[in-house]
Amino acid sequence: MSKMIKDYDQITAFHYASYRPLLHTKILERYLPNHEKVDLGLDIGCGTGQSAISLSAFCKKVIGVDPSQEMIQKSIGHPSVTYQTMKNNVLDFNDDSFDIITFAGSLFYAKSQEILDESIRVSKTNAKVIAYDFEILLSPIFKLLGVVEETHIASNYNHEENFTGLQTAAITLDEQYKQAIDLEITITDLAHLLLSSKEDYAKLSNTYGPENLFELLIQQLQNKLESENTTLKANTYLTAYTVMK
C-alpha cells in the first residue's frame, strides 16, 4: 500500500483531513439496513478515520488501520474507534477476530493476494468483507472555475475495484451495485474537497497560483455559484463478500 502514501503530501493531507464527504454511512446502510451491531469491525486504509467512524454505526468497536502515519496522526477521535499504523500488508490481529471488514476507497491501492488472505485470516466465519467507494463528479465545478482538465490523460483508478482476479475460494460474492446520489456541500467544504488530491491541487494552482489558494478558491466559488452551498452528483459503488471457513 506504499502507493497510497505517495498520493498525499502535507498540504493535500490537511485538506483531506478537513473535509471528507459523508457518504460512507449512506453506502453501508443500503447493504446493511437495520443491521444489529456486531462486536468488532476493521477498516483497512482508514485515512483520517471518517470511514472507520461510519463503520461504528454497525459495530460496537472498530479498529482503523492505514499505512500512512500522517493520516493516523490526523485521525478523528471517536469513543468506539481506535487507530493504528499498518505495515507491509500485515494485519496485526489474531485469527477469527472481526465480524466486518471494510475497504473504503482503499482496495485499488491495497489489492493483493496477501491482503485478501490476511483479511480472511482475521475474519470470523460468515464475516462480511465490503469494498466500497464513491466518485464525486467535479467536472462541472472545474468548468465553472475555468480550469482546463486534461481529458486525454486517462486515470487507471478503478472505483469498482474488488477481489476479481485473486484466489477467492474462501469468500463468496453477496452483492455488487452502483448507485447515483446527490451530495449537499458548503462552499468551504467544496474548496477543501477540490484541494484534497495532488492532481486537482496542481490544476487549481496552475490556474490561480499557489498563494492563498484556499481563500481565493472560496471567493471564486462564492462569486460563481452565488451561494454558500451547492449540490454535487456522486456515483457510489459496493461489492460485498461473505467469508467461508
C-alpha atoms as a PDB file:
ATOM      1  CA  MET A   1       0.000   0.000   0.000  1.00  0.00           C
ATOM      2  CA  SER A   2       3.029   2.292  -0.317  1.00  0.00           C
ATOM      3  CA  LYS A   3       1.434   3.839  -3.425  1.00  0.00           C
ATOM      4  CA  MET A   4      -1.312   5.256  -1.207  1.00  0.00           C
ATOM      5  CA  ILE A   5       1.234   7.068   0.961  1.00  0.00           C
ATOM      6  CA  LYS A   6       2.784   8.847  -2.021  1.00  0.00           C
ATOM      7  CA  ASP A   7      -0.569  10.206  -3.229  1.00  0.00           C
ATOM      8  CA  TYR A   8      -0.790  12.831  -0.496  1.00  0.00           C
ATOM      9  CA  ASP A   9       1.658  15.451   0.700  1.00  0.00           C
ATOM     10  CA  GLN A  10       1.231  17.683   3.739  1.00  0.00           C
ATOM     11  CA  ILE A  11      -0.936  20.296   2.007  1.00  0.00           C
ATOM     12  CA  THR A  12      -3.369  17.883   0.425  1.00  0.00           C
ATOM     13  CA  ALA A  13      -3.409  15.789   3.615  1.00  0.00           C
ATOM     14  CA  PHE A  14      -4.575  18.882   5.509  1.00  0.00           C
ATOM     15  CA  HIS A  15      -7.478  19.448   3.114  1.00  0.00           C
ATOM     16  CA  TYR A  16      -8.228  15.708   3.057  1.00  0.00           C
ATOM     17  CA  ALA A  17      -8.459  15.746   6.852  1.00  0.00           C
ATOM     18  CA  SER A  18     -10.534  18.929   6.893  1.00  0.00           C
ATOM     19  CA  TYR A  19     -13.399  17.509   4.851  1.00  0.00           C
ATOM     20  CA  ARG A  20     -14.471  14.052   3.755  1.00  0.00           C
ATOM     21  CA  PRO A  21     -17.892  13.640   2.102  1.00  0.00           C
ATOM     22  CA  LEU A  22     -20.388  11.999   4.455  1.00  0.00           C
ATOM     23  CA  LEU A  23     -21.258   9.227   2.028  1.00  0.00           C
ATOM     24  CA  HIS A  24     -19.755   6.219   3.797  1.00  0.00           C
ATOM     25  CA  THR A  25     -22.704   5.581   6.102  1.00  0.00           C
ATOM     26  CA  LYS A  26     -25.218   6.019   3.273  1.00  0.00           C
ATOM     27  CA  ILE A  27     -23.421   3.397   1.194  1.00  0.00           C
ATOM     28  CA  LEU A  28     -23.160   0.915   4.074  1.00  0.00           C
ATOM     29  CA  GLU A  29     -26.794   1.454   5.102  1.00  0.00           C
ATOM     30  CA  ARG A  30     -28.008   0.201   1.753  1.00  0.00           C
ATOM     31  CA  TYR A  31     -26.166  -3.106   2.186  1.00  0.00           C
ATOM     32  CA  LEU A  32     -26.683  -3.380   5.964  1.00  0.00           C
ATOM     33  CA  PRO A  33     -30.211  -1.997   6.584  1.00  0.00           C
ATOM     34  CA  ASN A  34     -31.390  -2.313  10.199  1.00  0.00           C
ATOM     35  CA  HIS A  35     -28.220  -4.249  10.960  1.00  0.00           C
ATOM     36  CA  GLU A  36     -27.728  -5.135  14.626  1.00  0.00           C
ATOM     37  CA  LYS A  37     -24.333  -4.053  15.880  1.00  0.00           C
ATOM     38  CA  VAL A  38     -21.703  -6.788  15.733  1.00  0.00           C
ATOM     39  CA  ASP A  39     -18.766  -6.922  18.134  1.00  0.00           C
ATOM     40  CA  LEU A  40     -15.758  -5.797  16.107  1.00  0.00           C
ATOM     41  CA  GLY A  41     -15.098  -4.163  12.748  1.00  0.00           C
ATOM     42  CA  LEU A  42     -11.891  -3.418  10.846  1.00  0.00           C
ATOM     43  CA  ASP A  43     -11.486  -0.576   8.354  1.00  0.00           C
ATOM     44  CA  ILE A  44      -8.429  -1.071   6.126  1.00  0.00           C
ATOM     45  CA  GLY A  45      -6.985   2.105   4.630  1.00  0.00           C
ATOM     46  CA  CYS A  46      -8.955   4.273   7.051  1.00  0.00           C
ATOM     47  CA  GLY A  47      -7.250   7.575   6.205  1.00  0.00           C
ATOM     48  CA  THR A  48      -8.244  10.132   8.827  1.00  0.00           C
ATOM     49  CA  GLY A  49     -10.993   7.895  10.162  1.00  0.00           C
ATOM     50  CA  GLN A  50     -14.226   9.009   8.521  1.00  0.00           C
ATOM     51  CA  SER A  51     -14.883   5.547   7.098  1.00  0.00           C
ATOM     52  CA  ALA A  52     -13.958   3.854  10.390  1.00  0.00           C
ATOM     53  CA  ILE A  53     -16.375   6.113  12.259  1.00  0.00           C
ATOM     54  CA  SER A  54     -19.094   5.305   9.727  1.00  0.00           C
ATOM     55  CA  LEU A  55     -18.454   1.602  10.296  1.00  0.00           C
ATOM     56  CA  SER A  56     -19.010   2.129  14.033  1.00  0.00           C
ATOM     57  CA  ALA A  57     -22.730   2.554  13.287  1.00  0.00           C
ATOM     58  CA  PHE A  58     -22.741  -1.198  12.638  1.00  0.00           C
ATOM     59  CA  CYS A  59     -20.095  -2.397  15.130  1.00  0.00           C
ATOM     60  CA  LYS A  60     -19.660  -1.993  18.883  1.00  0.00           C
ATOM     61  CA  LYS A  61     -15.957  -1.360  18.351  1.00  0.00           C
ATOM     62  CA  VAL A  62     -13.911  -0.535  15.241  1.00  0.00           C
ATOM     63  CA  ILE A  63     -10.194  -0.551  14.533  1.00  0.00           C
ATOM     64  CA  GLY A  64      -8.970   1.609  11.660  1.00  0.00           C
ATOM     65  CA  VAL A  65      -5.608   0.834  10.064  1.00  0.00           C
ATOM     66  CA  ASP A  66      -3.682   2.846   7.489  1.00  0.00           C
ATOM     67  CA  PRO A  67      -0.119   2.708   6.071  1.00  0.00           C
ATOM     68  CA  SER A  68       0.282   6.480   6.453  1.00  0.00           C
ATOM     69  CA  GLN A  69       1.438   7.612   9.884  1.00  0.00           C
ATOM     70  CA  GLU A  70       0.476  11.160   8.895  1.00  0.00           C
ATOM     71  CA  MET A  71      -3.124  10.106   8.304  1.00  0.00           C
ATOM     72  CA  ILE A  72      -3.243   8.243  11.615  1.00  0.00           C
ATOM     73  CA  GLN A  73      -1.910  11.318  13.407  1.00  0.00           C
ATOM     74  CA  LYS A  74      -4.740  13.369  11.876  1.00  0.00           C
ATOM     75  CA  SER A  75      -7.382  10.742  12.642  1.00  0.00           C
ATOM     76  CA  ILE A  76     -10.727  11.841  14.055  1.00  0.00           C
ATOM     77  CA  GLY A  77     -11.359  10.821  17.647  1.00  0.00           C
ATOM     78  CA  HIS A  78     -14.397   8.657  18.390  1.00  0.00           C
ATOM     79  CA  PRO A  79     -15.274   6.650  21.522  1.00  0.00           C
ATOM     80  CA  SER A  80     -15.854   3.431  19.562  1.00  0.00           C
ATOM     81  CA  VAL A  81     -12.857   3.701  17.213  1.00  0.00           C
ATOM     82  CA  THR A  82      -9.124   3.157  17.689  1.00  0.00           C
ATOM     83  CA  TYR A  83      -6.397   3.566  15.078  1.00  0.00           C
ATOM     84  CA  GLN A  84      -3.048   2.027  14.293  1.00  0.00           C
ATOM     85  CA  THR A  85      -0.472   2.076  11.525  1.00  0.00           C
ATOM     86  CA  MET A  86      -0.437  -0.875   9.146  1.00  0.00           C
ATOM     87  CA  LYS A  87       2.880  -2.167   7.825  1.00  0.00           C
ATOM     88  CA  ASN A  88       3.765  -4.431   4.910  1.00  0.00           C
ATOM     89  CA  ASN A  89       0.217  -5.675   4.262  1.00  0.00           C
ATOM     90  CA  VAL A  90       0.232  -7.422   7.643  1.00  0.00           C
ATOM     91  CA  LEU A  91      -2.885  -7.226   9.806  1.00  0.00           C
ATOM     92  CA  ASP A  92      -1.515  -7.430  13.338  1.00  0.00           C
ATOM     93  CA  PHE A  93      -4.513  -9.194  14.850  1.00  0.00           C
ATOM     94  CA  ASN A  94      -5.443 -12.678  15.994  1.00  0.00           C
ATOM     95  CA  ASP A  95      -7.209 -15.144  13.724  1.00  0.00           C
ATOM     96  CA  ASP A  96     -11.024 -15.031  13.684  1.00  0.00           C
ATOM     97  CA  SER A  97     -11.262 -11.559  15.248  1.00  0.00           C
ATOM     98  CA  PHE A  98     -13.550  -9.440  13.059  1.00  0.00           C
ATOM     99  CA  ASP A  99     -17.220  -9.540  12.103  1.00  0.00           C
ATOM    100  CA  ILE A 100     -16.988  -6.916   9.336  1.00  0.00           C
ATOM    101  CA  ILE A 101     -14.004  -5.681   7.320  1.00  0.00           C
ATOM    102  CA  THR A 102     -14.290  -2.669   5.033  1.00  0.00           C
ATOM    103  CA  PHE A 103     -12.121  -1.152   2.313  1.00  0.00           C
ATOM    104  CA  ALA A 104     -13.500   2.358   1.748  1.00  0.00           C
ATOM    105  CA  GLY A 105     -11.825   3.667  -1.389  1.00  0.00           C
ATOM    106  CA  SER A 106      -8.633   1.840  -0.458  1.00  0.00           C
ATOM    107  CA  LEU A 107      -8.824  -1.507  -2.240  1.00  0.00           C
ATOM    108  CA  PHE A 108      -7.433  -0.128  -5.512  1.00  0.00           C
ATOM    109  CA  TYR A 109      -4.195   0.616  -3.651  1.00  0.00           C
ATOM    110  CA  ALA A 110      -4.284  -2.345  -1.265  1.00  0.00           C
ATOM    111  CA  LYS A 111      -5.410  -5.145  -3.583  1.00  0.00           C
ATOM    112  CA  SER A 112      -3.152  -8.182  -3.429  1.00  0.00           C
ATOM    113  CA  GLN A 113      -3.475 -11.855  -2.627  1.00  0.00           C
ATOM    114  CA  GLU A 114      -1.594 -11.150   0.583  1.00  0.00           C
ATOM    115  CA  ILE A 115      -4.072  -8.576   1.866  1.00  0.00           C
ATOM    116  CA  LEU A 116      -7.031 -10.771   0.900  1.00  0.00           C
ATOM    117  CA  ASP A 117      -5.512 -13.769   2.694  1.00  0.00           C
ATOM    118  CA  GLU A 118      -4.806 -11.614   5.750  1.00  0.00           C
ATOM    119  CA  SER A 119      -8.370 -10.294   5.701  1.00  0.00           C
ATOM    120  CA  ILE A 120      -9.742 -13.826   5.593  1.00  0.00           C
ATOM    121  CA  ARG A 121      -7.395 -14.946   8.376  1.00  0.00           C
ATOM    122  CA  VAL A 122      -8.540 -12.258  10.816  1.00  0.00           C
ATOM    123  CA  SER A 123     -12.226 -12.636   9.869  1.00  0.00           C
ATOM    124  CA  LYS A 124     -14.694 -14.798  11.710  1.00  0.00           C
ATOM    125  CA  THR A 125     -16.634 -17.412   9.776  1.00  0.00           C
ATOM    126  CA  ASN A 126     -19.522 -15.678   7.962  1.00  0.00           C
ATOM    127  CA  ALA A 127     -17.895 -12.272   8.428  1.00  0.00           C
ATOM    128  CA  LYS A 128     -18.590  -9.649   5.782  1.00  0.00           C
ATOM    129  CA  VAL A 129     -15.802  -8.131   3.687  1.00  0.00           C
ATOM    130  CA  ILE A 130     -17.032  -4.986   1.947  1.00  0.00           C
ATOM    131  CA  ALA A 131     -15.210  -2.943  -0.693  1.00  0.00           C
ATOM    132  CA  TYR A 132     -16.924   0.356  -1.432  1.00  0.00           C
ATOM    133  CA  ASP A 133     -16.119   3.728  -2.926  1.00  0.00           C
ATOM    134  CA  PHE A 134     -17.652   6.864  -4.342  1.00  0.00           C
ATOM    135  CA  GLU A 135     -16.845   9.202  -7.210  1.00  0.00           C
ATOM    136  CA  ILE A 136     -17.841  12.831  -6.868  1.00  0.00           C
ATOM    137  CA  LEU A 137     -18.373  14.370 -10.293  1.00  0.00           C
ATOM    138  CA  LEU A 138     -16.345  17.575 -10.170  1.00  0.00           C
ATOM    139  CA  SER A 139     -16.049  18.357 -13.880  1.00  0.00           C
ATOM    140  CA  PRO A 140     -18.923  20.909 -13.797  1.00  0.00           C
ATOM    141  CA  ILE A 141     -17.164  22.769 -10.969  1.00  0.00           C
ATOM    142  CA  PHE A 142     -13.821  22.818 -12.766  1.00  0.00           C
ATOM    143  CA  LYS A 143     -15.566  24.084 -15.897  1.00  0.00           C
ATOM    144  CA  LEU A 144     -17.273  26.806 -13.858  1.00  0.00           C
ATOM    145  CA  LEU A 145     -13.892  27.846 -12.439  1.00  0.00           C
ATOM    146  CA  GLY A 146     -12.289  27.935 -15.889  1.00  0.00           C
ATOM    147  CA  VAL A 147      -9.881  25.119 -15.054  1.00  0.00           C
ATOM    148  CA  VAL A 148      -8.751  23.155 -18.093  1.00  0.00           C
ATOM    149  CA  GLU A 149      -8.956  19.409 -17.490  1.00  0.00           C
ATOM    150  CA  GLU A 150      -6.502  17.221 -19.363  1.00  0.00           C
ATOM    151  CA  THR A 151      -9.072  14.740 -20.554  1.00  0.00           C
ATOM    152  CA  HIS A 152      -6.576  12.965 -22.773  1.00  0.00           C
ATOM    153  CA  ILE A 153      -4.793  11.646 -19.681  1.00  0.00           C
ATOM    154  CA  ALA A 154      -6.921   8.736 -18.524  1.00  0.00           C
ATOM    155  CA  SER A 155      -6.669   7.671 -14.897  1.00  0.00           C
ATOM    156  CA  ASN A 156      -6.358   3.961 -14.228  1.00  0.00           C
ATOM    157  CA  TYR A 157      -8.081   4.319 -10.850  1.00  0.00           C
ATOM    158  CA  ASN A 158     -10.999   1.905 -10.528  1.00  0.00           C
ATOM    159  CA  HIS A 159     -13.815   2.911  -8.170  1.00  0.00           C
ATOM    160  CA  GLU A 160     -15.366  -0.542  -8.629  1.00  0.00           C
ATOM    161  CA  GLU A 161     -12.255  -2.433  -7.517  1.00  0.00           C
ATOM    162  CA  ASN A 162     -12.955  -5.821  -5.958  1.00  0.00           C
ATOM    163  CA  PHE A 163     -11.184  -9.147  -5.475  1.00  0.00           C
ATOM    164  CA  THR A 164     -11.719 -10.386  -9.034  1.00  0.00           C
ATOM    165  CA  GLY A 165      -8.527 -11.975 -10.354  1.00  0.00           C
ATOM    166  CA  LEU A 166      -7.379 -13.270  -6.974  1.00  0.00           C
ATOM    167  CA  GLN A 167      -7.850 -16.677  -5.356  1.00  0.00           C
ATOM    168  CA  THR A 168     -11.251 -16.250  -3.734  1.00  0.00           C
ATOM    169  CA  ALA A 169     -12.222 -19.782  -2.682  1.00  0.00           C
ATOM    170  CA  ALA A 170     -12.681 -18.655   0.939  1.00  0.00           C
ATOM    171  CA  ILE A 171     -15.147 -15.856   0.117  1.00  0.00           C
ATOM    172  CA  THR A 172     -18.456 -15.753  -1.733  1.00  0.00           C
ATOM    173  CA  LEU A 173     -19.901 -12.751  -3.556  1.00  0.00           C
ATOM    174  CA  ASP A 174     -23.029 -11.396  -1.860  1.00  0.00           C
ATOM    175  CA  GLU A 175     -23.878  -8.172  -3.635  1.00  0.00           C
ATOM    176  CA  GLN A 176     -22.478  -5.693  -6.131  1.00  0.00           C
ATOM    177  CA  TYR A 177     -24.016  -2.407  -7.204  1.00  0.00           C
ATOM    178  CA  LYS A 178     -23.539   1.130  -8.465  1.00  0.00           C
ATOM    179  CA  GLN A 179     -25.875   3.988  -7.482  1.00  0.00           C
ATOM    180  CA  ALA A 180     -26.023   7.722  -8.292  1.00  0.00           C
ATOM    181  CA  ILE A 181     -26.838  10.127  -5.438  1.00  0.00           C
ATOM    182  CA  ASP A 182     -26.847  13.867  -4.655  1.00  0.00           C
ATOM    183  CA  LEU A 183     -24.352  15.414  -2.240  1.00  0.00           C
ATOM    184  CA  GLU A 184     -25.151  18.682  -0.462  1.00  0.00           C
ATOM    185  CA  ILE A 185     -21.967  20.624   0.344  1.00  0.00           C
ATOM    186  CA  THR A 186     -20.906  24.034   1.654  1.00  0.00           C
ATOM    187  CA  ILE A 187     -18.555  26.223  -0.363  1.00  0.00           C
ATOM    188  CA  THR A 188     -15.813  25.911   2.270  1.00  0.00           C
ATOM    189  CA  ASP A 189     -16.039  22.118   2.251  1.00  0.00           C
ATOM    190  CA  LEU A 190     -16.077  22.121  -1.544  1.00  0.00           C
ATOM    191  CA  ALA A 191     -12.811  24.072  -1.526  1.00  0.00           C
ATOM    192  CA  HIS A 192     -11.284  21.509   0.851  1.00  0.00           C
ATOM    193  CA  LEU A 193     -12.526  18.718  -1.406  1.00  0.00           C
ATOM    194  CA  LEU A 194     -11.055  20.288  -4.542  1.00  0.00           C
ATOM    195  CA  LEU A 195      -7.656  20.678  -2.864  1.00  0.00           C
ATOM    196  CA  SER A 196      -7.533  17.228  -1.263  1.00  0.00           C
ATOM    197  CA  SER A 197      -5.869  15.446  -4.198  1.00  0.00           C
ATOM    198  CA  LYS A 198      -2.470  16.305  -5.616  1.00  0.00           C
ATOM    199  CA  GLU A 199      -3.753  16.227  -9.199  1.00  0.00           C
ATOM    200  CA  ASP A 200      -6.606  18.658  -8.572  1.00  0.00           C
ATOM    201  CA  TYR A 201      -4.446  20.873  -6.360  1.00  0.00           C
ATOM    202  CA  ALA A 202      -1.924  21.161  -9.203  1.00  0.00           C
ATOM    203  CA  LYS A 203      -4.624  22.127 -11.723  1.00  0.00           C
ATOM    204  CA  LEU A 204      -6.044  24.805  -9.443  1.00  0.00           C
ATOM    205  CA  SER A 205      -2.594  26.088  -8.502  1.00  0.00           C
ATOM    206  CA  ASN A 206      -1.695  26.425 -12.181  1.00  0.00           C
ATOM    207  CA  THR A 207      -4.900  28.395 -12.794  1.00  0.00           C
ATOM    208  CA  TYR A 208      -4.937  30.681  -9.753  1.00  0.00           C
ATOM    209  CA  GLY A 209      -1.398  30.463  -8.376  1.00  0.00           C
ATOM    210  CA  PRO A 210      -0.346  28.808  -5.103  1.00  0.00           C
ATOM    211  CA  GLU A 211      -0.543  31.972  -2.957  1.00  0.00           C
ATOM    212  CA  ASN A 212      -3.552  31.839  -0.579  1.00  0.00           C
ATOM    213  CA  LEU A 213      -5.132  29.287  -2.895  1.00  0.00           C
ATOM    214  CA  PHE A 214      -7.716  28.032  -0.401  1.00  0.00           C
ATOM    215  CA  GLU A 215      -9.066  31.507   0.388  1.00  0.00           C
ATOM    216  CA  LEU A 216      -9.023  32.507  -3.275  1.00  0.00           C
ATOM    217  CA  LEU A 217     -10.855  29.352  -4.263  1.00  0.00           C
ATOM    218  CA  ILE A 218     -13.611  30.007  -1.716  1.00  0.00           C
ATOM    219  CA  GLN A 219     -14.025  33.524  -3.099  1.00  0.00           C
ATOM    220  CA  GLN A 220     -14.201  32.261  -6.686  1.00  0.00           C
ATOM    221  CA  LEU A 221     -16.770  29.606  -5.776  1.00  0.00           C
ATOM    222  CA  GLN A 222     -18.914  32.125  -3.912  1.00  0.00           C
ATOM    223  CA  ASN A 223     -18.832  34.500  -6.868  1.00  0.00           C
ATOM    224  CA  LYS A 224     -19.579  31.815  -9.461  1.00  0.00           C
ATOM    225  CA  LEU A 225     -22.264  29.944  -7.528  1.00  0.00           C
ATOM    226  CA  GLU A 226     -23.752  32.990  -5.773  1.00  0.00           C
ATOM    227  CA  SER A 227     -24.431  30.830  -2.739  1.00  0.00           C
ATOM    228  CA  GLU A 228     -22.781  29.354   0.342  1.00  0.00           C
ATOM    229  CA  ASN A 229     -23.971  25.855  -0.608  1.00  0.00           C
ATOM    230  CA  THR A 230     -24.313  23.710  -3.699  1.00  0.00           C
ATOM    231  CA  THR A 231     -25.271  20.186  -4.787  1.00  0.00           C
ATOM    232  CA  LEU A 232     -22.868  17.773  -6.450  1.00  0.00           C
ATOM    233  CA  LYS A 233     -23.578  14.483  -8.181  1.00  0.00           C
ATOM    234  CA  ALA A 234     -21.807  11.346  -6.972  1.00  0.00           C
ATOM    235  CA  ASN A 235     -21.633   7.719  -8.043  1.00  0.00           C
ATOM    236  CA  THR A 236     -21.384   5.118  -5.271  1.00  0.00           C
ATOM    237  CA  TYR A 237     -20.051   1.577  -5.597  1.00  0.00           C
ATOM    238  CA  LEU A 238     -20.132  -1.501  -3.354  1.00  0.00           C
ATOM    239  CA  THR A 239     -19.042  -5.130  -3.568  1.00  0.00           C
ATOM    240  CA  ALA A 240     -19.714  -7.360  -0.548  1.00  0.00           C
ATOM    241  CA  TYR A 241     -18.454 -10.845   0.281  1.00  0.00           C
ATOM    242  CA  THR A 242     -19.051 -13.439   2.991  1.00  0.00           C
ATOM    243  CA  VAL A 243     -16.069 -15.290   4.462  1.00  0.00           C
ATOM    244  CA  MET A 244     -16.453 -19.070   4.350  1.00  0.00           C
ATOM    245  CA  LYS A 245     -14.094 -21.025   6.614  1.00  0.00           C
END
